[in-house]
Protein backbone atom coordinates (compact mmCIF):
# COMPACT_ATOMS: atom_id res chain seq x y z
CA UNK A 1 -25.62 -44.10 74.38
CA UNK A 2 -25.55 -44.51 70.60
CA UNK A 3 -28.64 -43.05 68.94
CA UNK A 4 -30.60 -45.35 66.70
CA UNK A 5 -33.41 -44.73 64.25
CA UNK A 6 -36.68 -46.67 64.48
CA UNK A 7 -38.75 -47.83 61.53
CA UNK A 8 -41.16 -44.94 61.99
CA UNK A 9 -38.31 -42.45 62.22
CA UNK A 10 -36.89 -43.72 58.94
CA UNK A 11 -40.27 -43.43 57.25
CA UNK A 12 -40.52 -39.82 58.44
CA UNK A 13 -36.96 -38.73 57.56
CA UNK A 14 -37.15 -39.94 53.98
CA UNK A 15 -40.88 -39.20 53.63
CA UNK A 16 -41.36 -42.78 52.46
CA UNK A 17 -44.74 -43.69 51.05
CA UNK A 18 -44.44 -47.34 52.03
CA UNK A 19 -45.70 -49.57 54.82
CA UNK A 20 -43.67 -50.37 57.93
CA UNK A 21 -43.64 -54.00 56.89
CA UNK A 22 -41.69 -53.15 53.73
CA UNK A 23 -38.74 -51.99 55.83
CA UNK A 24 -38.91 -55.07 58.02
CA UNK A 25 -39.02 -57.41 55.02
CA UNK A 26 -36.10 -55.55 53.42
CA UNK A 27 -34.06 -56.11 56.57
CA UNK A 28 -34.96 -59.79 56.76
CA UNK A 29 -34.00 -60.32 53.11
CA UNK A 30 -30.69 -58.45 53.45
CA UNK A 31 -31.65 -55.52 51.21
CA UNK A 32 -30.83 -53.08 54.01
CA UNK A 33 -28.50 -53.42 57.03
CA UNK A 34 -29.50 -55.39 60.10
CA UNK A 35 -31.00 -53.29 62.88
CA UNK A 36 -30.01 -53.24 66.54
CA UNK A 37 -32.61 -54.45 69.01
CA UNK A 38 -33.57 -51.99 71.75
CA UNK A 39 -35.24 -53.75 74.66
CA UNK A 40 -37.93 -51.88 76.55
CA UNK A 41 -39.20 -54.39 79.07
CA UNK A 42 -40.50 -57.36 77.14
CA UNK A 43 -40.62 -55.38 73.86
CA UNK A 44 -37.68 -55.30 71.43
CA UNK A 45 -37.72 -52.40 68.95
CA UNK A 46 -35.69 -52.22 65.78
CA UNK A 47 -33.17 -49.40 65.56
CA UNK A 48 -30.57 -48.52 62.91
CA UNK A 49 -27.38 -46.53 63.47
CA UNK A 50 -26.58 -43.42 61.47
CA UNK A 51 -23.96 -45.40 59.53
CA UNK A 52 -26.76 -47.69 58.27
CA UNK A 53 -28.92 -44.90 56.88
CA UNK A 54 -27.15 -44.31 53.52
CA UNK A 55 -28.02 -47.79 52.26
CA UNK A 56 -31.60 -47.39 53.46
CA UNK A 57 -31.87 -43.96 51.85
CA UNK A 58 -30.44 -45.24 48.60
CA UNK A 59 -33.21 -47.83 48.39
CA UNK A 60 -36.20 -45.90 49.73
CA UNK A 61 -35.23 -42.22 49.71
CA UNK A 62 -36.01 -39.39 47.29
CA UNK A 63 -32.60 -38.75 45.66
CA UNK A 64 -31.26 -40.98 42.87
CA UNK A 65 -27.59 -41.30 42.00
CA UNK A 66 -26.01 -38.97 39.45
CA UNK A 67 -24.56 -40.44 36.27
CA UNK A 68 -21.40 -38.37 36.70
CA UNK A 69 -19.62 -36.51 39.49
CA UNK A 70 -20.78 -32.92 39.96
CA UNK A 71 -19.61 -29.81 41.82
CA UNK A 72 -22.22 -27.60 43.46
CA UNK A 73 -20.97 -24.21 44.66
CA UNK A 74 -22.93 -22.11 47.17
CA UNK A 75 -22.20 -18.40 46.88
CA UNK A 76 -23.82 -15.00 47.14
CA UNK A 77 -22.43 -11.62 48.18
CA UNK A 78 -25.01 -11.18 50.96
CA UNK A 79 -24.33 -12.73 54.35
CA UNK A 80 -26.94 -14.20 56.67
CA UNK A 81 -29.14 -15.66 53.91
CA UNK A 82 -28.91 -19.34 55.02
CA UNK A 83 -26.18 -20.12 52.46
CA UNK A 84 -24.19 -22.44 54.72
CA UNK A 85 -27.40 -23.95 56.10
CA UNK A 86 -28.48 -24.82 52.56
CA UNK A 87 -25.04 -26.16 51.56
CA UNK A 88 -24.89 -28.35 54.67
CA UNK A 89 -28.38 -29.74 54.15
CA UNK A 90 -27.65 -30.51 50.51
CA UNK A 91 -24.46 -32.37 51.42
CA UNK A 92 -25.87 -34.29 54.38
CA UNK A 93 -29.06 -35.28 52.55
CA UNK A 94 -27.10 -36.56 49.57
CA UNK A 95 -24.84 -38.56 51.88
CA UNK A 96 -27.89 -40.07 53.59
CA UNK A 97 -28.90 -41.37 50.16
CA UNK A 98 -25.53 -43.14 49.74
CA UNK A 99 -24.20 -40.42 47.45
CA UNK A 100 -20.52 -40.13 48.34
CA UNK A 101 -20.15 -36.44 49.18
CA UNK A 102 -17.30 -34.11 50.11
CA UNK A 103 -17.75 -30.55 51.43
CA UNK A 104 -15.00 -28.02 50.70
CA UNK A 105 -15.01 -25.04 53.05
CA UNK A 106 -13.70 -21.71 51.72
CA UNK A 107 -15.17 -19.34 54.32
CA UNK A 108 -12.90 -17.90 57.02
CA UNK A 109 -15.86 -17.90 59.41
CA UNK A 110 -15.54 -21.72 59.50
CA UNK A 111 -19.33 -22.12 59.68
CA UNK A 112 -19.66 -25.34 57.71
CA UNK A 113 -16.53 -26.81 59.33
CA UNK A 114 -17.92 -26.20 62.81
CA UNK A 115 -21.07 -28.10 61.85
CA UNK A 116 -19.24 -31.04 60.29
CA UNK A 117 -16.24 -31.49 62.56
CA UNK A 118 -16.14 -34.13 65.26
CA UNK A 119 -16.39 -32.88 68.80
CA UNK A 120 -13.99 -35.48 70.19
CA UNK A 121 -11.56 -33.87 72.61
CA UNK A 122 -7.92 -35.08 72.73
CA UNK A 123 -7.58 -38.00 75.11
CA UNK A 124 -4.84 -38.53 77.68
CA UNK A 125 -3.81 -41.66 75.78
CA UNK A 126 -2.75 -39.67 72.71
CA UNK A 127 0.86 -38.63 72.26
CA UNK A 128 2.19 -35.35 70.90
CA UNK A 129 2.84 -36.79 67.42
CA UNK A 130 -0.81 -37.82 67.08
CA UNK A 131 -2.00 -34.39 68.14
CA UNK A 132 0.35 -32.71 65.65
CA UNK A 133 -0.93 -35.01 62.89
CA UNK A 134 -4.53 -34.03 63.70
CA UNK A 135 -3.62 -30.34 63.72
CA UNK A 136 -1.82 -30.75 60.41
CA UNK A 137 -4.92 -32.28 58.81
CA UNK A 138 -7.07 -29.36 59.90
CA UNK A 139 -5.15 -26.88 57.74
CA UNK A 140 -7.34 -27.84 54.78
CA UNK A 141 -6.52 -26.99 51.20
CA UNK A 142 -3.86 -24.45 52.22
CA UNK A 143 -1.65 -27.41 53.13
CA UNK A 144 -1.86 -28.71 49.57
CA UNK A 145 -0.42 -25.49 48.22
CA UNK A 146 2.23 -24.88 50.86
CA UNK A 147 3.47 -28.40 51.55
CA UNK A 148 2.45 -30.37 48.47
CA UNK A 149 0.45 -32.70 50.70
CA UNK A 150 -1.63 -35.54 49.34
CA UNK A 151 -5.27 -34.52 49.00
CA UNK A 152 -6.37 -37.55 51.03
CA UNK A 153 -4.41 -36.23 54.02
CA UNK A 154 -6.66 -33.18 54.40
CA UNK A 155 -10.02 -34.93 53.95
CA UNK A 156 -11.85 -35.41 57.26
CA UNK A 157 -14.56 -37.94 58.07
CA UNK A 158 -17.96 -37.39 59.73
CA UNK A 159 -20.54 -39.54 61.49
CA UNK A 160 -21.90 -40.61 58.09
CA UNK A 161 -19.53 -42.89 56.13
CA UNK A 162 -20.53 -41.24 52.84
CA UNK A 163 -19.93 -37.65 54.04
CA UNK A 164 -16.45 -36.12 54.22
CA UNK A 165 -15.12 -32.56 54.29
CA UNK A 166 -12.03 -30.41 53.85
CA UNK A 167 -11.98 -27.91 56.72
CA UNK A 168 -11.61 -24.16 56.57
CA UNK A 169 -9.11 -22.18 58.57
CA UNK A 170 -7.17 -18.91 58.84
CA UNK A 171 -4.60 -20.31 56.40
CA UNK A 172 -7.06 -19.49 53.63
CA UNK A 173 -6.00 -15.83 53.91
CA UNK A 174 -2.42 -16.76 53.03
CA UNK A 175 -3.52 -19.13 50.28
CA UNK A 176 -5.69 -16.48 48.64
CA UNK A 177 -2.74 -14.05 48.56
CA UNK A 178 -0.31 -16.68 47.27
CA UNK A 179 -2.59 -17.64 44.40
CA UNK A 180 -2.25 -14.15 42.93
CA UNK A 181 1.25 -15.07 41.76
CA UNK A 182 0.14 -18.32 40.12
CA UNK A 183 -0.17 -18.85 36.40
CA UNK A 184 -3.85 -19.52 35.58
CA UNK A 185 -4.59 -18.54 39.15
CA UNK A 186 -8.37 -18.94 38.81
CA UNK A 187 -7.97 -22.62 37.94
CA UNK A 188 -5.82 -23.82 40.86
CA UNK A 189 -8.72 -25.18 42.90
CA UNK A 190 -10.21 -27.02 39.94
CA UNK A 191 -6.90 -28.64 38.99
CA UNK A 192 -5.57 -29.55 42.43
CA UNK A 193 -8.73 -30.12 44.48
CA UNK A 194 -12.00 -30.46 42.59
CA UNK A 195 -10.93 -32.66 39.67
CA UNK A 196 -9.09 -35.13 41.95
CA UNK A 197 -12.11 -35.18 44.31
CA UNK A 198 -14.39 -36.05 41.39
CA UNK A 199 -12.50 -39.33 41.03
CA UNK A 200 -13.50 -40.31 44.57
CA UNK A 201 -16.79 -38.49 45.23
CA UNK A 202 -20.09 -38.23 43.39
CA UNK A 203 -20.96 -34.79 44.79
CA UNK A 204 -18.62 -31.98 45.83
CA UNK A 205 -20.24 -29.13 47.75
CA UNK A 206 -18.25 -25.89 48.03
CA UNK A 207 -19.29 -23.35 50.67
CA UNK A 208 -17.95 -19.90 49.77
CA UNK A 209 -17.61 -16.70 51.83
CA UNK A 210 -20.02 -13.82 51.15
CA UNK A 211 -17.19 -11.60 49.88
CA UNK A 212 -15.84 -12.19 46.39
CA UNK A 213 -12.15 -13.02 46.42
CA UNK A 214 -9.77 -15.14 44.36
CA UNK A 215 -10.85 -18.33 46.13
CA UNK A 216 -14.45 -17.62 45.11
CA UNK A 217 -13.29 -17.11 41.52
CA UNK A 218 -11.58 -20.49 41.77
CA UNK A 219 -14.79 -22.07 43.04
CA UNK A 220 -16.83 -20.60 40.19
CA UNK A 221 -14.35 -21.85 37.59
CA UNK A 222 -14.64 -25.35 39.10
CA UNK A 223 -18.43 -25.33 39.45
CA UNK A 224 -21.04 -27.25 37.50
CA UNK A 225 -23.93 -25.64 39.39
CA UNK A 226 -23.87 -22.34 41.27
CA UNK A 227 -26.51 -22.05 44.00
CA UNK A 228 -27.25 -18.53 45.25
CA UNK A 229 -29.73 -18.05 48.11
CA UNK A 230 -31.82 -14.87 47.74
CA UNK A 231 -33.68 -13.81 50.85
CA UNK A 232 -37.21 -12.50 50.46
CA UNK A 233 -36.28 -9.18 52.05
CA UNK A 234 -35.71 -5.71 50.68
CA UNK A 235 -31.92 -5.36 51.16
CA UNK A 236 -30.85 -8.23 48.94
CA UNK A 237 -33.71 -7.55 46.54
CA UNK A 238 -32.33 -4.05 45.91
CA UNK A 239 -28.78 -5.32 45.26
CA UNK A 240 -29.69 -8.40 43.24
CA UNK A 241 -29.16 -6.78 39.82
CA UNK A 242 -25.57 -5.87 40.69
CA UNK A 243 -24.85 -9.44 41.77
CA UNK A 244 -26.41 -10.83 38.58
CA UNK A 245 -24.24 -8.52 36.44
CA UNK A 246 -21.08 -9.60 38.29
CA UNK A 247 -21.83 -13.30 37.83
CA UNK A 248 -22.81 -12.93 34.19
CA UNK A 249 -19.68 -10.89 33.38
CA UNK A 250 -17.40 -13.45 35.07
CA UNK A 251 -19.29 -16.30 33.39
CA UNK A 252 -18.71 -14.72 29.97
CA UNK A 253 -15.13 -13.55 30.51
CA UNK A 254 -13.95 -16.95 31.74
CA UNK A 255 -16.05 -18.89 29.17
CA UNK A 256 -17.69 -20.96 31.92
CA UNK A 257 -20.63 -23.35 31.63
CA UNK A 258 -22.07 -23.64 35.12
CA UNK A 259 -25.80 -23.51 35.67
CA UNK A 260 -26.97 -20.74 38.02
CA UNK A 261 -29.78 -21.57 40.45
CA UNK A 262 -31.44 -19.15 42.90
CA UNK A 263 -33.14 -20.36 46.09
CA UNK A 264 -35.56 -18.01 47.91
CA UNK A 265 -34.81 -17.98 51.65
CA UNK A 266 -36.10 -16.38 54.84
CA UNK A 267 -39.58 -16.55 53.37
CA UNK A 268 -42.42 -15.54 55.67
CA UNK A 269 -45.88 -15.95 54.07
CA UNK A 270 -47.46 -13.74 56.75
CA UNK A 271 -45.55 -10.65 55.57
CA UNK A 272 -46.90 -8.95 52.46
CA UNK A 273 -43.64 -7.43 51.20
CA UNK A 274 -41.88 -10.74 51.82
CA UNK A 275 -44.48 -12.56 49.73
CA UNK A 276 -44.41 -9.88 47.02
CA UNK A 277 -40.63 -10.22 46.67
CA UNK A 278 -40.89 -13.99 46.35
CA UNK A 279 -43.55 -13.63 43.64
CA UNK A 280 -41.26 -11.18 41.81
CA UNK A 281 -38.42 -13.70 41.98
CA UNK A 282 -40.63 -16.43 40.53
CA UNK A 283 -41.75 -14.21 37.68
CA UNK A 284 -38.56 -12.30 36.81
CA UNK A 285 -35.48 -14.11 38.11
CA UNK A 286 -34.04 -16.69 35.67
CA UNK A 287 -33.01 -19.90 37.38
CA UNK A 288 -35.08 -19.42 40.53
CA UNK A 289 -36.65 -22.59 41.94
CA UNK A 290 -40.31 -22.87 42.88
CA UNK A 291 -39.82 -23.78 46.54
CA UNK A 292 -38.46 -21.62 49.36
CA UNK A 293 -37.14 -22.11 52.88
CA UNK A 294 -37.90 -20.01 55.89
CA UNK A 295 -35.86 -19.14 58.95
CA UNK A 296 -36.70 -21.47 61.82
CA UNK A 297 -35.60 -22.45 65.31
CA UNK A 298 -35.94 -26.08 64.25
CA UNK A 299 -33.23 -25.58 61.63
CA UNK A 300 -30.91 -23.90 64.12
CA UNK A 301 -31.50 -26.66 66.65
CA UNK A 302 -30.78 -29.33 64.03
CA UNK A 303 -27.50 -27.69 63.05
CA UNK A 304 -26.43 -27.36 66.68
CA UNK A 305 -26.99 -31.12 66.96
CA UNK A 306 -25.05 -31.69 63.72
CA UNK A 307 -28.11 -33.05 61.95
CA UNK A 308 -30.39 -32.02 59.14
CA UNK A 309 -33.80 -30.62 59.99
CA UNK A 310 -35.29 -33.72 58.35
CA UNK A 311 -33.59 -35.85 60.99
CA UNK A 312 -34.37 -33.48 63.86
CA UNK A 313 -38.01 -32.62 63.15
CA UNK A 314 -38.95 -34.80 60.16
CA UNK A 315 -42.72 -34.24 60.28
CA UNK A 316 -42.63 -30.44 60.51
CA UNK A 317 -43.33 -27.94 57.73
CA UNK A 318 -39.71 -26.74 57.85
CA UNK A 319 -38.48 -30.25 57.06
CA UNK A 320 -41.01 -30.50 54.21
CA UNK A 321 -39.81 -27.21 52.73
CA UNK A 322 -36.14 -28.16 52.97
CA UNK A 323 -36.86 -31.56 51.45
CA UNK A 324 -38.64 -29.99 48.46
CA UNK A 325 -35.85 -27.45 47.93
CA UNK A 326 -33.25 -30.23 47.91
CA UNK A 327 -35.36 -32.25 45.48
CA UNK A 328 -35.43 -29.30 43.07
CA UNK A 329 -31.69 -28.73 43.38
CA UNK A 330 -31.06 -32.42 42.75
CA UNK A 331 -33.31 -32.37 39.69
CA UNK A 332 -31.24 -29.45 38.37
CA UNK A 333 -28.08 -31.46 39.05
CA UNK A 334 -29.36 -34.48 37.14
CA UNK A 335 -30.46 -32.28 34.23
CA UNK A 336 -27.04 -30.62 34.15
CA UNK A 337 -25.27 -33.99 34.01
CA UNK A 338 -27.63 -35.20 31.25
CA UNK A 339 -27.22 -32.00 29.20
CA UNK A 340 -23.43 -32.12 29.50
CA UNK A 341 -23.44 -35.74 28.32
CA UNK A 342 -25.67 -34.83 25.37
CA UNK A 343 -23.42 -31.91 24.38
CA UNK A 344 -20.38 -34.14 24.60
CA UNK A 345 -21.98 -36.69 22.28
CA UNK A 346 -22.94 -33.99 19.77
CA UNK A 347 -19.42 -32.54 19.78
CA UNK A 348 -17.97 -36.01 19.28
CA UNK A 349 -20.28 -36.66 16.32
CA UNK A 350 -19.37 -33.29 14.78
CA UNK A 351 -15.67 -33.95 15.26
CA UNK A 352 -15.94 -37.37 13.62
CA UNK A 353 -17.91 -35.93 10.69
CA UNK A 354 -15.32 -33.20 10.15
CA UNK A 355 -12.54 -35.80 10.29
CA UNK A 356 -14.28 -37.94 7.65
CA UNK A 357 -14.76 -34.91 5.41
CA UNK A 358 -11.08 -34.05 5.66
CA UNK A 359 -10.22 -37.60 4.62
């Protein structure tokens, strides 16, 4: 049975501050897709499919479109800090607001790919050529390097029409080694993957492994915004300065211009040290956002169902926290796009003035 979303469910997912009648009138006037009717005895309830939600979210949700395509990279050198969880929620939420989004997986653990991939098993009706074609697609970006494949051939679709992904796989090990022999090896991903994706997608989300390798360097070179989760626990707190120094040194050496954002995670307000660490982050860590997310069974359940926590438990505090974190990240994204546009205009004016002086 195909799951549908009722009017009330939509209001809860997007935290809409509107009346139920507004949704109904929007449907009747063609502003949003037509619902399916679910009959329960003599009562017919409206229900929308997941493929309908992007248009509804675009009109009544909490994320506005960007003025320019943007790449958001998720990376930190500490594992188990909800990095992939955050990357997935950012991508899925954007897609549910009709923001055309592509996730690029660079982690050998395949975490984000396992969440995004379709569970459809091969059918008896398929032939061997079809199965080989599917297997070939799953090699991800490594296939672009080895076989000069078209980028479109390695992009996979999901249940949301505005959400796609390029899967991870063991071939990334070989790709990382092969890139060492490339000229301008840190820029391969930007040139062959990210820049072409920006022509088709509004948001590119890159999920990196927790260990710094050449693929991570490629992701940083291609990034507009770097998002680093920082858990409110003592281990990462102790090693944070080292991570900051590494990022700053790479940022300077490569003359990069990405914006670095920190997101507090695994926050537990009932633990004093946990709360103290978060307060320290807010006071002393440049780029840290105000909101935090905590570890929760609701989030794990949502991911196991291939949904966001806002879809799974939309009225819970965990959904509220995730929603606020995503709003802050999106605000940073819009500010980054606006600042880049402003800098570009200033540089153009300066160039024109210098040209006139030379004349």
